[in-house]
Amino acid sequence: MIKKITFFALTLSLLALVACEKEGRVYNENQDLSPLVEWKLEDSREFIVPIAAAGDEFDMSISFRYIYGFQHTVTKVKMTETTPGGEVNSYELALTCRDELGDYIGFAGGDIWDSEHLVFPKKKFEEAGNYTYKLEHAMEQEPLQYCMEIGVILDEVK
């Protein structure tokens, strides 16, 4: 009975944390990777990010959800950006998932870890309209085990 109560309390706490949006957050979308808790090369994810005005600046982050057992200290991610005008830019990103002691980085909820990685501070968007971001892993190992979700976040610059 105590185990059920503890599990229920932990679940409610996790849901409350997930439901709280950070102040100044203007875009936050996460997408599941695989029901098998893995990320395959062909499992790219696309995000359509609306930008209201040319010249807007935001801190851009990548969110990554993984579970205990994830083996990598750094996860390499390829990001392909397509602007509203059709210009295509590609970036190789490195998401640090473990610190120098080997401990996971992020927020834990049981065996699940949520991490946010600032990849472009004060990113200036030169055009208004919809930007498309395609994310795929760029690791040698295939598939990456213990991966759950990947996402894109934009926060107002303060």
C-alpha atoms as a PDB file:
ATOM      1  CA  MET A   1       0.000   0.000   0.000  1.00  0.00           C
ATOM      2  CA  ILE A   2       2.830   2.414   0.889  1.00  0.00           C
ATOM      3  CA  LYS A   3       4.534   1.678  -2.453  1.00  0.00           C
ATOM      4  CA  LYS A   4       1.326   2.620  -4.312  1.00  0.00           C
ATOM      5  CA  ILE A   5       1.003   5.879  -2.382  1.00  0.00           C
ATOM      6  CA  THR A   6       4.663   6.747  -2.991  1.00  0.00           C
ATOM      7  CA  PHE A   7       4.324   5.965  -6.703  1.00  0.00           C
ATOM      8  CA  PHE A   8       1.139   8.066  -6.940  1.00  0.00           C
ATOM      9  CA  ALA A   9       2.787  11.021  -5.145  1.00  0.00           C
ATOM     10  CA  LEU A  10       5.858  10.803  -7.364  1.00  0.00           C
ATOM     11  CA  THR A  11       3.688  10.688 -10.492  1.00  0.00           C
ATOM     12  CA  LEU A  12       1.680  13.749  -9.408  1.00  0.00           C
ATOM     13  CA  SER A  13       4.883  15.657  -8.613  1.00  0.00           C
ATOM     14  CA  LEU A  14       6.339  14.829 -12.018  1.00  0.00           C
ATOM     15  CA  LEU A  15       3.161  15.922 -13.791  1.00  0.00           C
ATOM     16  CA  ALA A  16       3.156  19.199 -11.865  1.00  0.00           C
ATOM     17  CA  LEU A  17       6.762  19.856 -12.897  1.00  0.00           C
ATOM     18  CA  VAL A  18       6.061  19.099 -16.542  1.00  0.00           C
ATOM     19  CA  ALA A  19       2.949  21.286 -16.562  1.00  0.00           C
ATOM     20  CA  CYS A  20       4.830  24.367 -15.320  1.00  0.00           C
ATOM     21  CA  GLU A  21       6.036  26.474 -18.222  1.00  0.00           C
ATOM     22  CA  LYS A  22       9.091  28.615 -17.728  1.00  0.00           C
ATOM     23  CA  GLU A  23       8.387  32.338 -17.749  1.00  0.00           C
ATOM     24  CA  GLY A  24       9.320  33.899 -21.087  1.00  0.00           C
ATOM     25  CA  ARG A  25       9.067  30.601 -22.950  1.00  0.00           C
ATOM     26  CA  VAL A  26       7.537  31.285 -26.365  1.00  0.00           C
ATOM     27  CA  TYR A  27       7.968  27.884 -28.010  1.00  0.00           C
ATOM     28  CA  ASN A  28       8.366  24.419 -26.509  1.00  0.00           C
ATOM     29  CA  GLU A  29       7.642  21.231 -28.428  1.00  0.00           C
ATOM     30  CA  ASN A  30       8.885  17.717 -27.726  1.00  0.00           C
ATOM     31  CA  GLN A  31       8.373  14.658 -29.899  1.00  0.00           C
ATOM     32  CA  ASP A  32       8.592  10.979 -28.984  1.00  0.00           C
ATOM     33  CA  LEU A  33      11.420   9.060 -30.637  1.00  0.00           C
ATOM     34  CA  SER A  34      10.364   5.422 -30.479  1.00  0.00           C
ATOM     35  CA  PRO A  35       8.153   3.181 -28.371  1.00  0.00           C
ATOM     36  CA  LEU A  36      11.228   0.924 -28.097  1.00  0.00           C
ATOM     37  CA  VAL A  37      13.072   3.733 -26.222  1.00  0.00           C
ATOM     38  CA  GLU A  38      15.710   4.186 -28.900  1.00  0.00           C
ATOM     39  CA  TRP A  39      16.697   6.765 -31.501  1.00  0.00           C
ATOM     40  CA  LYS A  40      17.435   5.446 -34.973  1.00  0.00           C
ATOM     41  CA  LEU A  41      19.123   7.441 -37.733  1.00  0.00           C
ATOM     42  CA  GLU A  42      15.927   7.405 -39.779  1.00  0.00           C
ATOM     43  CA  ASP A  43      13.960   8.763 -36.797  1.00  0.00           C
ATOM     44  CA  SER A  44      14.468  12.439 -37.589  1.00  0.00           C
ATOM     45  CA  ARG A  45      11.977  14.863 -36.079  1.00  0.00           C
ATOM     46  CA  GLU A  46      10.706  18.121 -37.588  1.00  0.00           C
ATOM     47  CA  PHE A  47       9.581  21.210 -35.729  1.00  0.00           C
ATOM     48  CA  ILE A  48       7.790  24.197 -37.272  1.00  0.00           C
ATOM     49  CA  VAL A  49       8.686  27.303 -35.258  1.00  0.00           C
ATOM     50  CA  PRO A  50       6.673  30.475 -35.960  1.00  0.00           C
ATOM     51  CA  ILE A  51       8.561  33.774 -35.688  1.00  0.00           C
ATOM     52  CA  ALA A  52       6.298  36.844 -35.523  1.00  0.00           C
ATOM     53  CA  ALA A  53       8.727  39.616 -36.498  1.00  0.00           C
ATOM     54  CA  ALA A  54      12.030  39.936 -38.343  1.00  0.00           C
ATOM     55  CA  GLY A  55      14.866  40.762 -35.977  1.00  0.00           C
ATOM     56  CA  ASP A  56      13.401  38.909 -32.987  1.00  0.00           C
ATOM     57  CA  GLU A  57      16.034  37.362 -30.676  1.00  0.00           C
ATOM     58  CA  PHE A  58      15.558  34.236 -28.580  1.00  0.00           C
ATOM     59  CA  ASP A  59      17.661  31.799 -26.608  1.00  0.00           C
ATOM     60  CA  MET A  60      17.307  28.501 -28.480  1.00  0.00           C
ATOM     61  CA  SER A  61      17.671  25.216 -26.634  1.00  0.00           C
ATOM     62  CA  ILE A  62      17.306  21.534 -27.408  1.00  0.00           C
ATOM     63  CA  SER A  63      15.451  19.386 -24.905  1.00  0.00           C
ATOM     64  CA  PHE A  64      16.404  15.746 -24.562  1.00  0.00           C
ATOM     65  CA  ARG A  65      14.644  13.085 -22.482  1.00  0.00           C
ATOM     66  CA  TYR A  66      16.455   9.839 -21.777  1.00  0.00           C
ATOM     67  CA  ILE A  67      16.284   7.109 -19.170  1.00  0.00           C
ATOM     68  CA  TYR A  68      18.730   5.732 -16.660  1.00  0.00           C
ATOM     69  CA  GLY A  69      21.200   3.505 -18.466  1.00  0.00           C
ATOM     70  CA  PHE A  70      21.936   5.990 -21.267  1.00  0.00           C
ATOM     71  CA  GLN A  71      25.637   5.419 -21.931  1.00  0.00           C
ATOM     72  CA  HIS A  72      26.867   8.594 -23.627  1.00  0.00           C
ATOM     73  CA  THR A  73      28.509  11.615 -22.041  1.00  0.00           C
ATOM     74  CA  VAL A  74      27.871  13.731 -25.129  1.00  0.00           C
ATOM     75  CA  THR A  75      25.157  13.175 -27.715  1.00  0.00           C
ATOM     76  CA  LYS A  76      25.854  14.565 -31.181  1.00  0.00           C
ATOM     77  CA  VAL A  77      22.804  15.950 -32.954  1.00  0.00           C
ATOM     78  CA  LYS A  78      22.499  17.290 -36.488  1.00  0.00           C
ATOM     79  CA  MET A  79      20.124  20.239 -36.803  1.00  0.00           C
ATOM     80  CA  THR A  80      18.955  21.390 -40.224  1.00  0.00           C
ATOM     81  CA  GLU A  81      17.272  24.799 -40.306  1.00  0.00           C
ATOM     82  CA  THR A  82      15.109  25.949 -43.207  1.00  0.00           C
ATOM     83  CA  THR A  83      14.175  29.636 -43.128  1.00  0.00           C
ATOM     84  CA  PRO A  84      10.850  31.009 -44.395  1.00  0.00           C
ATOM     85  CA  GLY A  85      12.725  32.136 -47.530  1.00  0.00           C
ATOM     86  CA  GLY A  86      14.062  28.623 -48.211  1.00  0.00           C
ATOM     87  CA  GLU A  87      17.679  29.053 -47.066  1.00  0.00           C
ATOM     88  CA  VAL A  88      19.033  25.825 -45.520  1.00  0.00           C
ATOM     89  CA  ASN A  89      21.650  25.771 -42.743  1.00  0.00           C
ATOM     90  CA  SER A  90      23.072  22.705 -40.987  1.00  0.00           C
ATOM     91  CA  TYR A  91      24.617  22.565 -37.539  1.00  0.00           C
ATOM     92  CA  GLU A  92      26.395  19.836 -35.569  1.00  0.00           C
ATOM     93  CA  LEU A  93      25.395  20.131 -31.918  1.00  0.00           C
ATOM     94  CA  ALA A  94      26.868  18.425 -28.852  1.00  0.00           C
ATOM     95  CA  LEU A  95      24.446  17.827 -25.972  1.00  0.00           C
ATOM     96  CA  THR A  96      26.322  17.091 -22.739  1.00  0.00           C
ATOM     97  CA  CYS A  97      24.356  14.435 -20.834  1.00  0.00           C
ATOM     98  CA  ARG A  98      26.863  13.581 -18.070  1.00  0.00           C
ATOM     99  CA  ASP A  99      29.175  15.726 -15.993  1.00  0.00           C
ATOM    100  CA  GLU A 100      32.892  15.105 -15.357  1.00  0.00           C
ATOM    101  CA  LEU A 101      32.019  12.648 -12.551  1.00  0.00           C
ATOM    102  CA  GLY A 102      29.769  10.619 -14.846  1.00  0.00           C
ATOM    103  CA  ASP A 103      26.530  11.800 -13.223  1.00  0.00           C
ATOM    104  CA  TYR A 104      23.541  12.553 -15.455  1.00  0.00           C
ATOM    105  CA  ILE A 105      22.765  16.189 -16.168  1.00  0.00           C
ATOM    106  CA  GLY A 106      19.196  17.429 -16.007  1.00  0.00           C
ATOM    107  CA  PHE A 107      16.113  16.909 -13.899  1.00  0.00           C
ATOM    108  CA  ALA A 108      15.297  13.427 -12.672  1.00  0.00           C
ATOM    109  CA  GLY A 109      11.850  11.930 -12.308  1.00  0.00           C
ATOM    110  CA  GLY A 110      12.455   8.371 -11.226  1.00  0.00           C
ATOM    111  CA  ASP A 111      14.539   6.770 -13.993  1.00  0.00           C
ATOM    112  CA  ILE A 112      13.678   9.517 -16.511  1.00  0.00           C
ATOM    113  CA  TRP A 113      16.015  12.455 -17.096  1.00  0.00           C
ATOM    114  CA  ASP A 114      14.962  15.727 -18.748  1.00  0.00           C
ATOM    115  CA  SER A 115      17.736  18.001 -19.944  1.00  0.00           C
ATOM    116  CA  GLU A 116      17.802  21.348 -21.730  1.00  0.00           C
ATOM    117  CA  HIS A 117      20.835  22.390 -23.751  1.00  0.00           C
ATOM    118  CA  LEU A 118      21.301  26.028 -24.770  1.00  0.00           C
ATOM    119  CA  VAL A 119      22.630  25.786 -28.321  1.00  0.00           C
ATOM    120  CA  PHE A 120      22.128  29.325 -29.690  1.00  0.00           C
ATOM    121  CA  PRO A 121      22.081  32.146 -27.144  1.00  0.00           C
ATOM    122  CA  LYS A 122      20.520  35.353 -28.473  1.00  0.00           C
ATOM    123  CA  LYS A 123      19.693  33.805 -31.844  1.00  0.00           C
ATOM    124  CA  LYS A 124      18.464  36.530 -34.178  1.00  0.00           C
ATOM    125  CA  PHE A 125      15.793  35.565 -36.697  1.00  0.00           C
ATOM    126  CA  GLU A 126      16.240  37.681 -39.827  1.00  0.00           C
ATOM    127  CA  GLU A 127      12.824  36.858 -41.329  1.00  0.00           C
ATOM    128  CA  ALA A 128       9.314  36.583 -39.967  1.00  0.00           C
ATOM    129  CA  GLY A 129       7.468  33.350 -40.729  1.00  0.00           C
ATOM    130  CA  ASN A 130       7.815  29.633 -40.098  1.00  0.00           C
ATOM    131  CA  TYR A 131      11.266  28.155 -39.569  1.00  0.00           C
ATOM    132  CA  THR A 132      11.605  24.385 -39.909  1.00  0.00           C
ATOM    133  CA  TYR A 133      14.070  22.492 -37.725  1.00  0.00           C
ATOM    134  CA  LYS A 134      14.945  18.882 -38.452  1.00  0.00           C
ATOM    135  CA  LEU A 135      16.772  16.997 -35.684  1.00  0.00           C
ATOM    136  CA  GLU A 136      18.554  13.667 -36.077  1.00  0.00           C
ATOM    137  CA  HIS A 137      21.274  11.993 -34.081  1.00  0.00           C
ATOM    138  CA  ALA A 138      24.806  12.053 -35.474  1.00  0.00           C
ATOM    139  CA  MET A 139      26.334   9.296 -33.371  1.00  0.00           C
ATOM    140  CA  GLU A 140      28.257   6.276 -34.653  1.00  0.00           C
ATOM    141  CA  GLN A 141      26.198   3.884 -32.538  1.00  0.00           C
ATOM    142  CA  GLU A 142      22.967   2.802 -34.194  1.00  0.00           C
ATOM    143  CA  PRO A 143      20.433   2.891 -32.680  1.00  0.00           C
ATOM    144  CA  LEU A 144      20.972   5.021 -29.575  1.00  0.00           C
ATOM    145  CA  GLN A 145      19.426   3.126 -26.674  1.00  0.00           C
ATOM    146  CA  TYR A 146      17.421   4.648 -23.784  1.00  0.00           C
ATOM    147  CA  CYS A 147      16.282   7.772 -25.682  1.00  0.00           C
ATOM    148  CA  MET A 148      12.692   8.964 -25.300  1.00  0.00           C
ATOM    149  CA  GLU A 149      12.125  12.478 -26.694  1.00  0.00           C
ATOM    150  CA  ILE A 150      13.814  15.368 -28.454  1.00  0.00           C
ATOM    151  CA  GLY A 151      12.536  18.931 -28.682  1.00  0.00           C
ATOM    152  CA  VAL A 152      13.086  22.589 -29.521  1.00  0.00           C
ATOM    153  CA  ILE A 153      12.680  25.476 -27.069  1.00  0.00           C
ATOM    154  CA  LEU A 154      12.703  29.264 -27.601  1.00  0.00           C
ATOM    155  CA  ASP A 155      12.940  31.610 -24.615  1.00  0.00           C
ATOM    156  CA  GLU A 156      12.756  35.406 -24.607  1.00  0.00           C
ATOM    157  CA  VAL A 157      16.179  37.010 -24.231  1.00  0.00           C
ATOM    158  CA  LYS A 158      16.421  38.843 -20.929  1.00  0.00           C
END
